[in-house]
N, C-alpha and C. Protein backbone atom coordinates (compact mmCIF):
# COMPACT_ATOMS: atom_id res chain seq x y z
N MET A 1 8.74 -30.49 42.52
CA MET A 1 7.86 -30.97 41.48
C MET A 1 8.58 -31.90 40.52
N VAL A 2 9.83 -31.57 40.18
CA VAL A 2 10.58 -32.40 39.26
C VAL A 2 10.87 -33.75 39.90
N ALA A 3 11.25 -33.74 41.17
CA ALA A 3 11.59 -34.99 41.87
C ALA A 3 10.40 -35.94 41.96
N SER A 4 9.19 -35.41 41.92
CA SER A 4 8.00 -36.27 42.02
C SER A 4 7.58 -36.84 40.67
N SER A 5 8.43 -36.66 39.66
CA SER A 5 8.16 -37.16 38.30
C SER A 5 6.92 -36.52 37.69
N ALA A 6 6.63 -35.28 38.04
CA ALA A 6 5.47 -34.59 37.50
C ALA A 6 5.77 -33.96 36.13
N PHE A 7 7.03 -33.88 35.74
CA PHE A 7 7.47 -33.30 34.48
C PHE A 7 6.90 -31.89 34.27
N PRO A 8 7.22 -30.97 35.18
CA PRO A 8 6.71 -29.60 35.04
C PRO A 8 7.42 -28.87 33.90
N ASN A 9 6.74 -27.89 33.36
CA ASN A 9 7.36 -26.99 32.39
C ASN A 9 7.25 -25.57 32.95
N SER A 10 7.74 -24.59 32.21
CA SER A 10 7.76 -23.23 32.75
C SER A 10 6.35 -22.69 32.99
N VAL A 11 5.38 -23.08 32.17
CA VAL A 11 4.01 -22.62 32.36
C VAL A 11 3.43 -23.21 33.65
N GLY A 12 3.64 -24.50 33.87
CA GLY A 12 3.14 -25.15 35.08
C GLY A 12 3.82 -24.63 36.34
N LEU A 13 5.13 -24.41 36.26
CA LEU A 13 5.85 -23.87 37.42
C LEU A 13 5.38 -22.45 37.73
N ALA A 14 5.17 -21.66 36.69
CA ALA A 14 4.70 -20.28 36.89
C ALA A 14 3.35 -20.27 37.59
N ALA A 15 2.46 -21.13 37.18
CA ALA A 15 1.13 -21.18 37.80
C ALA A 15 1.22 -21.69 39.24
N HIS A 16 2.02 -22.72 39.46
CA HIS A 16 2.13 -23.32 40.80
C HIS A 16 2.74 -22.36 41.82
N PHE A 17 3.78 -21.64 41.41
CA PHE A 17 4.49 -20.76 42.35
C PHE A 17 4.10 -19.29 42.21
N ASP A 18 3.12 -19.02 41.37
CA ASP A 18 2.63 -17.65 41.16
C ASP A 18 3.77 -16.70 40.78
N ILE A 19 4.51 -17.10 39.75
CA ILE A 19 5.59 -16.30 39.20
C ILE A 19 5.38 -16.20 37.70
N SER A 20 6.16 -15.35 37.05
CA SER A 20 6.03 -15.22 35.60
C SER A 20 6.62 -16.45 34.91
N ARG A 21 6.19 -16.68 33.69
CA ARG A 21 6.72 -17.80 32.90
C ARG A 21 8.21 -17.60 32.67
N LYS A 22 8.61 -16.36 32.43
CA LYS A 22 10.02 -16.05 32.20
C LYS A 22 10.85 -16.35 33.45
N GLN A 23 10.31 -16.01 34.63
CA GLN A 23 11.03 -16.30 35.87
C GLN A 23 11.14 -17.81 36.07
N ALA A 24 10.11 -18.54 35.75
CA ALA A 24 10.16 -19.99 35.85
C ALA A 24 11.24 -20.56 34.95
N GLN A 25 11.36 -20.03 33.73
CA GLN A 25 12.39 -20.49 32.81
C GLN A 25 13.79 -20.16 33.35
N ARG A 26 13.94 -18.97 33.94
CA ARG A 26 15.23 -18.60 34.54
C ARG A 26 15.56 -19.54 35.70
N ASP A 27 14.56 -19.91 36.47
CA ASP A 27 14.78 -20.83 37.59
C ASP A 27 15.22 -22.20 37.09
N ILE A 28 14.62 -22.68 36.02
CA ILE A 28 15.02 -23.95 35.42
C ILE A 28 16.47 -23.88 34.96
N GLU A 29 16.81 -22.79 34.29
CA GLU A 29 18.19 -22.61 33.81
C GLU A 29 19.16 -22.51 34.97
N PHE A 30 18.76 -21.83 36.06
CA PHE A 30 19.61 -21.72 37.24
C PHE A 30 19.88 -23.10 37.83
N MET A 31 18.82 -23.89 37.97
CA MET A 31 18.99 -25.24 38.52
C MET A 31 19.93 -26.07 37.65
N ARG A 32 19.74 -25.98 36.36
CA ARG A 32 20.56 -26.77 35.45
C ARG A 32 22.00 -26.28 35.41
N ASP A 33 22.19 -24.95 35.29
CA ASP A 33 23.53 -24.40 35.06
C ASP A 33 24.32 -24.16 36.35
N ARG A 34 23.67 -23.68 37.41
CA ARG A 34 24.40 -23.31 38.62
C ARG A 34 24.35 -24.39 39.70
N LEU A 35 23.26 -25.14 39.76
CA LEU A 35 23.13 -26.19 40.77
C LEU A 35 23.48 -27.57 40.21
N SER A 36 23.84 -27.62 38.92
CA SER A 36 24.21 -28.86 38.23
C SER A 36 23.12 -29.93 38.31
N ALA A 37 21.87 -29.48 38.29
CA ALA A 37 20.76 -30.43 38.29
C ALA A 37 20.70 -31.10 36.92
N PRO A 38 20.62 -32.42 36.89
CA PRO A 38 20.59 -33.13 35.61
C PRO A 38 19.21 -33.06 34.95
N LEU A 39 18.78 -31.86 34.61
CA LEU A 39 17.45 -31.65 34.03
C LEU A 39 17.48 -31.92 32.52
N LEU A 40 16.50 -32.67 32.08
CA LEU A 40 16.33 -32.92 30.65
C LEU A 40 14.89 -32.64 30.29
N TYR A 41 14.70 -32.04 29.12
CA TYR A 41 13.34 -31.79 28.64
C TYR A 41 12.81 -33.05 27.98
N ASN A 42 11.64 -33.48 28.38
CA ASN A 42 10.99 -34.65 27.82
C ASN A 42 9.89 -34.15 26.89
N ALA A 43 10.14 -34.21 25.59
CA ALA A 43 9.19 -33.68 24.61
C ALA A 43 7.85 -34.41 24.66
N GLY A 44 7.88 -35.71 24.91
CA GLY A 44 6.65 -36.49 24.98
C GLY A 44 5.75 -36.06 26.13
N ARG A 45 6.36 -35.67 27.24
CA ARG A 45 5.59 -35.24 28.41
C ARG A 45 5.52 -33.71 28.52
N ARG A 46 6.20 -33.05 27.62
CA ARG A 46 6.22 -31.59 27.54
C ARG A 46 6.61 -30.94 28.86
N GLY A 47 7.67 -31.49 29.48
CA GLY A 47 8.15 -30.94 30.73
C GLY A 47 9.53 -31.47 31.07
N TYR A 48 10.06 -31.02 32.20
CA TYR A 48 11.41 -31.38 32.63
C TYR A 48 11.39 -32.52 33.64
N GLY A 49 12.42 -33.32 33.58
CA GLY A 49 12.62 -34.39 34.54
C GLY A 49 14.11 -34.54 34.81
N TYR A 50 14.44 -35.27 35.86
CA TYR A 50 15.84 -35.52 36.18
C TYR A 50 16.36 -36.70 35.36
N ALA A 51 17.53 -36.53 34.77
CA ALA A 51 18.17 -37.64 34.08
C ALA A 51 18.69 -38.65 35.10
N ASP A 52 19.04 -38.16 36.28
CA ASP A 52 19.53 -39.00 37.37
C ASP A 52 18.54 -38.90 38.52
N GLY A 53 17.83 -39.97 38.80
CA GLY A 53 16.79 -39.97 39.82
C GLY A 53 17.30 -39.77 41.23
N SER A 54 18.60 -39.88 41.46
CA SER A 54 19.13 -39.73 42.81
C SER A 54 19.54 -38.29 43.14
N TYR A 55 19.35 -37.37 42.21
CA TYR A 55 19.76 -35.98 42.44
C TYR A 55 18.90 -35.34 43.52
N GLU A 56 19.53 -34.59 44.41
CA GLU A 56 18.83 -33.82 45.43
C GLU A 56 19.35 -32.39 45.38
N LEU A 57 18.47 -31.44 45.63
CA LEU A 57 18.89 -30.06 45.69
C LEU A 57 19.85 -29.87 46.85
N PRO A 58 20.83 -28.97 46.71
CA PRO A 58 21.75 -28.74 47.82
C PRO A 58 21.03 -28.11 49.00
N PRO A 59 21.58 -28.26 50.21
CA PRO A 59 20.93 -27.69 51.39
C PRO A 59 20.94 -26.16 51.35
N VAL A 60 20.05 -25.58 52.08
CA VAL A 60 19.99 -24.12 52.19
C VAL A 60 21.01 -23.68 53.22
N TRP A 61 21.84 -22.72 52.85
CA TRP A 61 22.84 -22.20 53.77
C TRP A 61 22.37 -20.86 54.28
N LEU A 62 22.21 -20.76 55.59
CA LEU A 62 21.78 -19.52 56.21
C LEU A 62 22.86 -19.03 57.16
N LYS A 63 22.99 -17.72 57.23
CA LYS A 63 23.90 -17.12 58.21
C LYS A 63 23.25 -17.24 59.58
N GLU A 64 24.06 -17.16 60.63
CA GLU A 64 23.52 -17.27 61.98
C GLU A 64 22.47 -16.21 62.24
N GLU A 65 22.67 -15.00 61.72
CA GLU A 65 21.70 -13.93 61.92
C GLU A 65 20.36 -14.27 61.26
N GLU A 66 20.41 -14.91 60.12
CA GLU A 66 19.18 -15.30 59.42
C GLU A 66 18.44 -16.39 60.19
N ILE A 67 19.18 -17.30 60.77
CA ILE A 67 18.56 -18.36 61.58
C ILE A 67 17.93 -17.75 62.82
N GLN A 68 18.62 -16.81 63.44
CA GLN A 68 18.07 -16.16 64.62
C GLN A 68 16.80 -15.38 64.26
N ALA A 69 16.81 -14.70 63.11
CA ALA A 69 15.63 -13.95 62.68
C ALA A 69 14.46 -14.88 62.42
N LEU A 70 14.72 -16.02 61.80
CA LEU A 70 13.67 -17.00 61.55
C LEU A 70 13.11 -17.55 62.86
N SER A 71 14.00 -17.85 63.80
CA SER A 71 13.57 -18.34 65.10
C SER A 71 12.70 -17.30 65.82
N LEU A 72 13.13 -16.06 65.79
CA LEU A 72 12.36 -14.99 66.43
C LEU A 72 11.00 -14.83 65.77
N ALA A 73 10.98 -14.87 64.44
CA ALA A 73 9.71 -14.73 63.72
C ALA A 73 8.74 -15.85 64.09
N LEU A 74 9.24 -17.06 64.21
CA LEU A 74 8.37 -18.18 64.58
C LEU A 74 7.87 -18.03 66.01
N ARG A 75 8.72 -17.57 66.90
CA ARG A 75 8.29 -17.36 68.30
C ARG A 75 7.23 -16.27 68.38
N LEU A 76 7.47 -15.16 67.67
CA LEU A 76 6.51 -14.05 67.69
C LEU A 76 5.18 -14.44 67.04
N SER A 77 5.25 -15.25 66.00
CA SER A 77 4.03 -15.61 65.30
C SER A 77 3.11 -16.50 66.15
N ALA A 78 3.65 -17.08 67.22
CA ALA A 78 2.84 -17.92 68.10
C ALA A 78 1.76 -17.11 68.82
N VAL A 79 1.91 -15.78 68.88
CA VAL A 79 0.92 -14.95 69.57
C VAL A 79 -0.10 -14.35 68.62
N PHE A 80 0.02 -14.65 67.33
CA PHE A 80 -0.91 -14.12 66.34
C PHE A 80 -2.19 -14.95 66.30
N PRO A 81 -3.25 -14.38 65.69
CA PRO A 81 -4.52 -15.11 65.58
C PRO A 81 -4.41 -16.37 64.70
N VAL A 82 -5.48 -17.09 64.63
CA VAL A 82 -5.55 -18.40 63.95
C VAL A 82 -4.98 -18.41 62.53
N PRO A 83 -5.27 -17.45 61.62
CA PRO A 83 -4.71 -17.55 60.27
C PRO A 83 -3.19 -17.61 60.27
N ALA A 84 -2.56 -16.87 61.16
CA ALA A 84 -1.10 -16.91 61.23
C ALA A 84 -0.62 -18.25 61.77
N ARG A 85 -1.40 -18.85 62.66
CA ARG A 85 -1.01 -20.15 63.21
C ARG A 85 -1.02 -21.23 62.14
N ALA A 86 -1.91 -21.12 61.17
CA ALA A 86 -1.92 -22.08 60.05
C ALA A 86 -0.59 -22.01 59.32
N PHE A 87 -0.07 -20.81 59.14
CA PHE A 87 1.23 -20.63 58.51
C PHE A 87 2.33 -21.27 59.36
N ILE A 88 2.23 -21.08 60.66
CA ILE A 88 3.24 -21.64 61.56
C ILE A 88 3.26 -23.17 61.45
N LEU A 89 2.08 -23.76 61.46
CA LEU A 89 2.02 -25.23 61.42
C LEU A 89 2.60 -25.79 60.14
N THR A 90 2.45 -25.06 59.03
CA THR A 90 3.04 -25.54 57.77
C THR A 90 4.51 -25.21 57.69
N THR A 91 4.96 -24.19 58.41
CA THR A 91 6.36 -23.77 58.37
C THR A 91 7.21 -24.53 59.36
N ARG A 92 6.64 -24.91 60.49
CA ARG A 92 7.41 -25.54 61.56
C ARG A 92 8.23 -26.76 61.11
N PRO A 93 7.68 -27.69 60.34
CA PRO A 93 8.50 -28.84 59.93
C PRO A 93 9.71 -28.41 59.10
N ARG A 94 9.51 -27.42 58.23
CA ARG A 94 10.64 -26.94 57.42
C ARG A 94 11.67 -26.25 58.30
N ALA A 95 11.18 -25.44 59.23
CA ALA A 95 12.09 -24.73 60.12
C ALA A 95 12.84 -25.71 61.01
N ALA A 96 12.19 -26.77 61.44
CA ALA A 96 12.83 -27.76 62.29
C ALA A 96 14.02 -28.40 61.57
N LYS A 97 13.89 -28.60 60.27
CA LYS A 97 15.00 -29.16 59.51
C LYS A 97 16.19 -28.21 59.53
N ILE A 98 15.91 -26.92 59.48
CA ILE A 98 16.99 -25.94 59.51
C ILE A 98 17.65 -25.94 60.88
N PHE A 99 16.85 -25.93 61.93
CA PHE A 99 17.37 -25.79 63.27
C PHE A 99 18.03 -27.06 63.80
N CYS A 100 17.70 -28.20 63.26
CA CYS A 100 18.28 -29.43 63.77
C CYS A 100 19.78 -29.49 63.48
N CYS A 101 20.22 -28.73 62.51
CA CYS A 101 21.64 -28.76 62.12
C CYS A 101 22.35 -27.46 62.48
N SER A 102 21.77 -26.65 63.32
CA SER A 102 22.40 -25.37 63.66
C SER A 102 22.70 -25.32 65.15
N SER A 103 23.49 -24.33 65.52
CA SER A 103 23.83 -24.15 66.92
C SER A 103 22.82 -23.24 67.62
N VAL A 104 21.87 -22.69 66.85
CA VAL A 104 20.90 -21.79 67.42
C VAL A 104 19.69 -22.59 67.90
N GLY A 105 19.18 -22.28 69.07
CA GLY A 105 18.05 -23.00 69.62
C GLY A 105 16.78 -22.81 68.82
N PHE A 106 15.84 -23.70 68.99
CA PHE A 106 14.56 -23.62 68.27
C PHE A 106 13.44 -23.61 69.28
N ILE A 107 12.58 -22.67 69.13
CA ILE A 107 11.36 -22.50 69.92
C ILE A 107 11.35 -23.37 71.09
């Protein structure tokens, strides 16, 4: 949301991700303090934005066992009814990004 120049705040993030406002604020602080995200509060837009537009979140690091579990879950979900398949179709592109850089096979 921040990268899209939407200038989210803790209230907007809480509503979008269905989390508490306090959790959203902790997530903002985590990004700023632990991930070194160049987040700045824009009072005029009442939300956060990147001071450096080229910032990208670091990649997700998964253990081999976690990748295998994700692969198995995706394979098993292929036999579920239609509502589960909707989840698969939205998850597959994200999972493909994970598997393209791993030694574990993908579906």
